[in-house]
Every structure is written in structure tokens, then in C-alpha cells.
Amino acid sequence: MLALRTARAAARVPLAPGVLGRRMASGNGHDSHAHDAHHGHGHGPAAEEKIGKGFFVSIAVFVGFLAAYKLEQRIAGSDQSPLTRALAYYGDLEREFQETNTRHTLMVEQAGKDRTLFSSQRASGITKIKYIEGFNQGSPFNNQAGWAGGDMTAIKAHLEANQK
């Protein structure tokens, strides 16, 4: 493969040095799109550029904000800036938020202590029944042998006596 490429390269006839120079000089070569080759083609006459509406609107907005600022200071009768007065006004809210957060933190701590207290106690073994028919609730299927067939007349009589 390498020998074939070498043979093709040797068979090529190089261009004469003057041919390349004539191509570049004739204007059909590589430099035909150079910056200095335009000679003013494609350019229209110089346009007169005016200051647009955006400039005047931005100046008017600036003057309007300045006038509103001065008017607001005059109406308020204070030499403090509106930002300083707003910070002083809403500074009390920060204190209220801090108090609310402190109360919330204390309640969460108390709830954690209560949970620890209740979780460390043994559960009561007594389950109170609100009505006597609570004994009859439950699935009649899948019962263990001897579990549901016990005599409960004494317990029923005791509960009826206590509920009266």
C-alpha cells in the first residue's frame, strides 16, 4: 500500500512557480476576499443617526425617581432615607419572629421530653370496652382451636353490673 502511494506521488507533475503567482495576482486566487478588495461595493450612503426615544425615556425616569424621592422626604418630614425608615419600622417584626421561634423551640423540647417519659413507661394491661357487644366482634374464620368458644357469661354479667 505504501509503495502504491509513493508511486502516485512521484507521478504527479508539480505546478510551475509562475502559475501560482499569476493566479494570486489575477484576483481569482485566495486573496480575492481580502478586506481591502471591497472597494466600497454594497455600502449605502451614510445614515443620519438620531437620539432615540429610549434615551429620553431613561432620562425622564431618572428625573421622576429623583423628584419622587425628594417629595417623599419632604412629606415624611424626616431627614432619614426611606430605606432607613423601613428598616426601623420592620425591625420589630424581627423581634417578634425571634420570640415565636423561641416559643416553638421550647414546645418542641417539651414534646421530646414527654415522648421520652411516655415511651419509658409500661403500657397498661387493661383494655376498657365501651360496650358489651365488643366481645362478639372479630372474624368467625381462622380462629385457633379453643380460643373463641370459652364461657364468658360471668364476664358479661360483671360488665353489665358495672355499666348500670
C-alpha atoms as a PDB file:
ATOM      1  CA  MET A   1       0.000   0.000   0.000  1.00  0.00           C
ATOM      2  CA  LEU A   2       2.826   2.329   0.918  1.00  0.00           C
ATOM      3  CA  ALA A   3       4.611   1.606  -2.359  1.00  0.00           C
ATOM      4  CA  LEU A   4       1.463   2.449  -4.327  1.00  0.00           C
ATOM      5  CA  ARG A   5       1.142   5.821  -2.615  1.00  0.00           C
ATOM      6  CA  THR A   6       4.785   6.614  -3.240  1.00  0.00           C
ATOM      7  CA  ALA A   7       4.393   5.806  -6.928  1.00  0.00           C
ATOM      8  CA  ARG A   8       1.333   8.067  -7.262  1.00  0.00           C
ATOM      9  CA  ALA A   9       3.104  10.934  -5.524  1.00  0.00           C
ATOM     10  CA  ALA A  10       6.088  10.635  -7.861  1.00  0.00           C
ATOM     11  CA  ALA A  11       3.803  10.634 -10.909  1.00  0.00           C
ATOM     12  CA  ARG A  12       2.282  13.985 -10.067  1.00  0.00           C
ATOM     13  CA  VAL A  13       3.595  16.906 -12.028  1.00  0.00           C
ATOM     14  CA  PRO A  14       4.243  19.961  -9.841  1.00  0.00           C
ATOM     15  CA  LEU A  15       2.935  23.336 -10.962  1.00  0.00           C
ATOM     16  CA  ALA A  16       5.365  25.796 -12.309  1.00  0.00           C
ATOM     17  CA  PRO A  17       6.231  28.535  -9.808  1.00  0.00           C
ATOM     18  CA  GLY A  18       4.915  31.256 -12.093  1.00  0.00           C
ATOM     19  CA  VAL A  19       1.412  29.714 -12.416  1.00  0.00           C
ATOM     20  CA  LEU A  20       0.687  30.125  -8.719  1.00  0.00           C
ATOM     21  CA  GLY A  21       1.865  33.722  -8.793  1.00  0.00           C
ATOM     22  CA  ARG A  22      -0.371  34.548 -11.774  1.00  0.00           C
ATOM     23  CA  ARG A  23      -3.404  33.057 -10.014  1.00  0.00           C
ATOM     24  CA  MET A  24      -2.868  35.204  -6.922  1.00  0.00           C
ATOM     25  CA  ALA A  25      -2.236  38.358  -8.936  1.00  0.00           C
ATOM     26  CA  SER A  26      -5.266  37.976 -11.213  1.00  0.00           C
ATOM     27  CA  GLY A  27      -7.799  38.401  -8.454  1.00  0.00           C
ATOM     28  CA  ASN A  28      -9.242  34.909  -8.834  1.00  0.00           C
ATOM     29  CA  GLY A  29      -6.971  33.409  -6.182  1.00  0.00           C
ATOM     30  CA  HIS A  30      -7.130  33.174  -2.428  1.00  0.00           C
ATOM     31  CA  ASP A  31      -6.852  36.871  -1.626  1.00  0.00           C
ATOM     32  CA  SER A  32      -9.904  37.902  -3.646  1.00  0.00           C
ATOM     33  CA  HIS A  33     -11.984  38.293  -0.473  1.00  0.00           C
ATOM     34  CA  ALA A  34      -9.500  40.295   1.472  1.00  0.00           C
ATOM     35  CA  HIS A  35     -10.721  43.322   3.386  1.00  0.00           C
ATOM     36  CA  ASP A  36      -9.187  45.836   1.002  1.00  0.00           C
ATOM     37  CA  ALA A  37     -10.761  44.156  -2.028  1.00  0.00           C
ATOM     38  CA  HIS A  38     -14.290  45.510  -1.458  1.00  0.00           C
ATOM     39  CA  HIS A  39     -13.726  48.986  -2.821  1.00  0.00           C
ATOM     40  CA  GLY A  40     -16.991  50.285  -1.395  1.00  0.00           C
ATOM     41  CA  HIS A  41     -19.337  47.836  -3.084  1.00  0.00           C
ATOM     42  CA  GLY A  42     -22.526  47.052  -1.145  1.00  0.00           C
ATOM     43  CA  HIS A  43     -22.393  50.049   1.175  1.00  0.00           C
ATOM     44  CA  GLY A  44     -25.244  52.501   1.172  1.00  0.00           C
ATOM     45  CA  PRO A  45     -25.000  56.182   1.880  1.00  0.00           C
ATOM     46  CA  ALA A  46     -24.186  57.186   5.436  1.00  0.00           C
ATOM     47  CA  ALA A  47     -27.367  57.398   7.530  1.00  0.00           C
ATOM     48  CA  GLU A  48     -28.025  60.190   9.946  1.00  0.00           C
ATOM     49  CA  GLU A  49     -28.331  58.680  13.438  1.00  0.00           C
ATOM     50  CA  LYS A  50     -30.654  60.471  15.830  1.00  0.00           C
ATOM     51  CA  ILE A  51     -31.036  60.036  19.566  1.00  0.00           C
ATOM     52  CA  GLY A  52     -33.919  57.621  20.020  1.00  0.00           C
ATOM     53  CA  LYS A  53     -36.917  57.661  22.334  1.00  0.00           C
ATOM     54  CA  GLY A  54     -35.210  55.244  24.732  1.00  0.00           C
ATOM     55  CA  PHE A  55     -32.631  57.863  25.703  1.00  0.00           C
ATOM     56  CA  PHE A  56     -35.263  60.450  26.567  1.00  0.00           C
ATOM     57  CA  VAL A  57     -37.421  57.911  28.405  1.00  0.00           C
ATOM     58  CA  SER A  58     -34.488  56.814  30.562  1.00  0.00           C
ATOM     59  CA  ILE A  59     -33.658  60.443  31.420  1.00  0.00           C
ATOM     60  CA  ALA A  60     -37.335  61.098  32.272  1.00  0.00           C
ATOM     61  CA  VAL A  61     -37.496  58.016  34.511  1.00  0.00           C
ATOM     62  CA  PHE A  62     -34.354  59.084  36.357  1.00  0.00           C
ATOM     63  CA  VAL A  63     -35.690  62.607  36.912  1.00  0.00           C
ATOM     64  CA  GLY A  64     -39.053  61.169  38.002  1.00  0.00           C
ATOM     65  CA  PHE A  65     -37.455  58.898  40.597  1.00  0.00           C
ATOM     66  CA  LEU A  66     -35.354  61.760  41.915  1.00  0.00           C
ATOM     67  CA  ALA A  67     -38.420  64.013  42.236  1.00  0.00           C
ATOM     68  CA  ALA A  68     -40.438  61.266  43.956  1.00  0.00           C
ATOM     69  CA  TYR A  69     -37.597  60.657  46.410  1.00  0.00           C
ATOM     70  CA  LYS A  70     -37.349  64.339  47.335  1.00  0.00           C
ATOM     71  CA  LEU A  71     -41.140  64.675  47.590  1.00  0.00           C
ATOM     72  CA  GLU A  72     -41.365  61.588  49.831  1.00  0.00           C
ATOM     73  CA  GLN A  73     -38.697  63.003  52.169  1.00  0.00           C
ATOM     74  CA  ARG A  74     -40.494  66.342  52.325  1.00  0.00           C
ATOM     75  CA  ILE A  75     -43.872  64.709  53.093  1.00  0.00           C
ATOM     76  CA  ALA A  76     -42.403  62.410  55.757  1.00  0.00           C
ATOM     77  CA  GLY A  77     -40.698  65.361  57.488  1.00  0.00           C
ATOM     78  CA  SER A  78     -37.608  63.316  58.170  1.00  0.00           C
ATOM     79  CA  ASP A  79     -34.030  63.573  57.076  1.00  0.00           C
ATOM     80  CA  GLN A  80     -33.674  59.779  57.113  1.00  0.00           C
ATOM     81  CA  SER A  81     -33.832  57.867  53.892  1.00  0.00           C
ATOM     82  CA  PRO A  82     -36.884  55.698  53.138  1.00  0.00           C
ATOM     83  CA  LEU A  83     -34.740  52.584  53.426  1.00  0.00           C
ATOM     84  CA  THR A  84     -33.613  53.544  56.941  1.00  0.00           C
ATOM     85  CA  ARG A  85     -37.190  54.251  57.990  1.00  0.00           C
ATOM     86  CA  ALA A  86     -38.395  50.950  56.507  1.00  0.00           C
ATOM     87  CA  LEU A  87     -35.690  49.052  58.410  1.00  0.00           C
ATOM     88  CA  ALA A  88     -36.680  50.784  61.647  1.00  0.00           C
ATOM     89  CA  TYR A  89     -40.378  50.055  61.013  1.00  0.00           C
ATOM     90  CA  TYR A  90     -39.902  46.383  60.195  1.00  0.00           C
ATOM     91  CA  GLY A  91     -37.186  45.833  62.810  1.00  0.00           C
ATOM     92  CA  ASP A  92     -39.866  44.999  65.379  1.00  0.00           C
ATOM     93  CA  LEU A  93     -41.015  42.123  63.177  1.00  0.00           C
ATOM     94  CA  GLU A  94     -37.613  40.528  63.549  1.00  0.00           C
ATOM     95  CA  ARG A  95     -38.002  40.607  67.335  1.00  0.00           C
ATOM     96  CA  GLU A  96     -41.480  39.047  67.041  1.00  0.00           C
ATOM     97  CA  PHE A  97     -40.141  36.310  64.748  1.00  0.00           C
ATOM     98  CA  GLN A  98     -37.377  35.610  67.258  1.00  0.00           C
ATOM     99  CA  GLU A  99     -39.896  35.304  70.110  1.00  0.00           C
ATOM    100  CA  THR A 100     -42.087  32.988  68.018  1.00  0.00           C
ATOM    101  CA  ASN A 101     -39.092  30.815  67.160  1.00  0.00           C
ATOM    102  CA  THR A 102     -38.073  30.655  70.837  1.00  0.00           C
ATOM    103  CA  ARG A 103     -41.584  29.561  71.880  1.00  0.00           C
ATOM    104  CA  HIS A 104     -41.639  26.949  69.127  1.00  0.00           C
ATOM    105  CA  THR A 105     -38.244  25.603  70.206  1.00  0.00           C
ATOM    106  CA  LEU A 106     -39.406  25.321  73.840  1.00  0.00           C
ATOM    107  CA  MET A 107     -42.577  23.474  72.787  1.00  0.00           C
ATOM    108  CA  VAL A 108     -40.587  21.029  70.648  1.00  0.00           C
ATOM    109  CA  GLU A 109     -38.203  20.368  73.538  1.00  0.00           C
ATOM    110  CA  GLN A 110     -41.150  19.773  75.901  1.00  0.00           C
ATOM    111  CA  ALA A 111     -42.764  17.394  73.386  1.00  0.00           C
ATOM    112  CA  GLY A 112     -39.499  15.438  73.181  1.00  0.00           C
ATOM    113  CA  LYS A 113     -39.336  15.158  76.989  1.00  0.00           C
ATOM    114  CA  ASP A 114     -42.970  13.994  77.103  1.00  0.00           C
ATOM    115  CA  ARG A 115     -42.350  11.401  74.432  1.00  0.00           C
ATOM    116  CA  THR A 116     -39.345  10.098  76.336  1.00  0.00           C
ATOM    117  CA  LEU A 117     -41.428   9.960  79.528  1.00  0.00           C
ATOM    118  CA  PHE A 118     -44.319   8.093  77.906  1.00  0.00           C
ATOM    119  CA  SER A 119     -42.133   5.687  75.942  1.00  0.00           C
ATOM    120  CA  SER A 120     -40.254   4.625  79.087  1.00  0.00           C
ATOM    121  CA  GLN A 121     -43.497   3.596  80.914  1.00  0.00           C
ATOM    122  CA  ARG A 122     -45.046   0.152  80.624  1.00  0.00           C
ATOM    123  CA  ALA A 123     -48.383   0.034  78.868  1.00  0.00           C
ATOM    124  CA  SER A 124     -51.427  -0.819  80.962  1.00  0.00           C
ATOM    125  CA  GLY A 125     -52.665  -4.377  80.530  1.00  0.00           C
ATOM    126  CA  ILE A 126     -56.305  -3.317  80.887  1.00  0.00           C
ATOM    127  CA  THR A 127     -58.313  -2.513  77.790  1.00  0.00           C
ATOM    128  CA  LYS A 128     -61.601  -0.830  78.529  1.00  0.00           C
ATOM    129  CA  ILE A 129     -64.558  -1.933  76.456  1.00  0.00           C
ATOM    130  CA  LYS A 130     -67.133   0.718  75.695  1.00  0.00           C
ATOM    131  CA  TYR A 131     -69.968  -1.713  75.024  1.00  0.00           C
ATOM    132  CA  ILE A 132     -70.651  -5.374  75.726  1.00  0.00           C
ATOM    133  CA  GLU A 133     -71.014  -6.407  72.101  1.00  0.00           C
ATOM    134  CA  GLY A 134     -67.314  -5.674  71.679  1.00  0.00           C
ATOM    135  CA  PHE A 135     -66.730  -9.293  72.728  1.00  0.00           C
ATOM    136  CA  ASN A 136     -68.579 -10.533  69.673  1.00  0.00           C
ATOM    137  CA  GLN A 137     -66.554  -8.552  67.186  1.00  0.00           C
ATOM    138  CA  GLY A 138     -63.993 -10.394  65.199  1.00  0.00           C
ATOM    139  CA  SER A 139     -63.738 -12.792  62.331  1.00  0.00           C
ATOM    140  CA  PRO A 140     -65.571 -16.106  62.745  1.00  0.00           C
ATOM    141  CA  PHE A 141     -62.995 -17.667  60.424  1.00  0.00           C
ATOM    142  CA  ASN A 142     -59.371 -18.629  61.009  1.00  0.00           C
ATOM    143  CA  ASN A 143     -59.723 -18.883  64.814  1.00  0.00           C
ATOM    144  CA  GLN A 144     -57.407 -21.096  66.810  1.00  0.00           C
ATOM    145  CA  ALA A 145     -58.936 -24.176  68.362  1.00  0.00           C
ATOM    146  CA  GLY A 146     -60.404 -23.407  71.773  1.00  0.00           C
ATOM    147  CA  TRP A 147     -59.854 -19.628  71.502  1.00  0.00           C
ATOM    148  CA  ALA A 148     -63.362 -18.346  70.751  1.00  0.00           C
ATOM    149  CA  GLY A 149     -65.521 -20.977  72.399  1.00  0.00           C
ATOM    150  CA  GLY A 150     -64.932 -20.107  76.070  1.00  0.00           C
ATOM    151  CA  ASP A 151     -67.686 -19.336  78.598  1.00  0.00           C
ATOM    152  CA  MET A 152     -67.954 -15.577  79.003  1.00  0.00           C
ATOM    153  CA  THR A 153     -71.246 -15.315  80.920  1.00  0.00           C
ATOM    154  CA  ALA A 154     -69.516 -14.318  84.187  1.00  0.00           C
ATOM    155  CA  ILE A 155     -67.543 -11.548  82.442  1.00  0.00           C
ATOM    156  CA  LYS A 156     -70.678 -10.333  80.663  1.00  0.00           C
ATOM    157  CA  ALA A 157     -72.624 -10.211  83.963  1.00  0.00           C
ATOM    158  CA  HIS A 158     -69.768  -8.293  85.630  1.00  0.00           C
ATOM    159  CA  LEU A 159     -69.653  -5.678  82.830  1.00  0.00           C
ATOM    160  CA  GLU A 160     -73.435  -5.264  82.843  1.00  0.00           C
ATOM    161  CA  ALA A 161     -73.378  -4.686  86.606  1.00  0.00           C
ATOM    162  CA  ASN A 162     -70.632  -2.032  86.283  1.00  0.00           C
ATOM    163  CA  GLN A 163     -72.306  -0.161  83.445  1.00  0.00           C
ATOM    164  CA  LYS A 164     -75.572   0.391  85.344  1.00  0.00           C
END
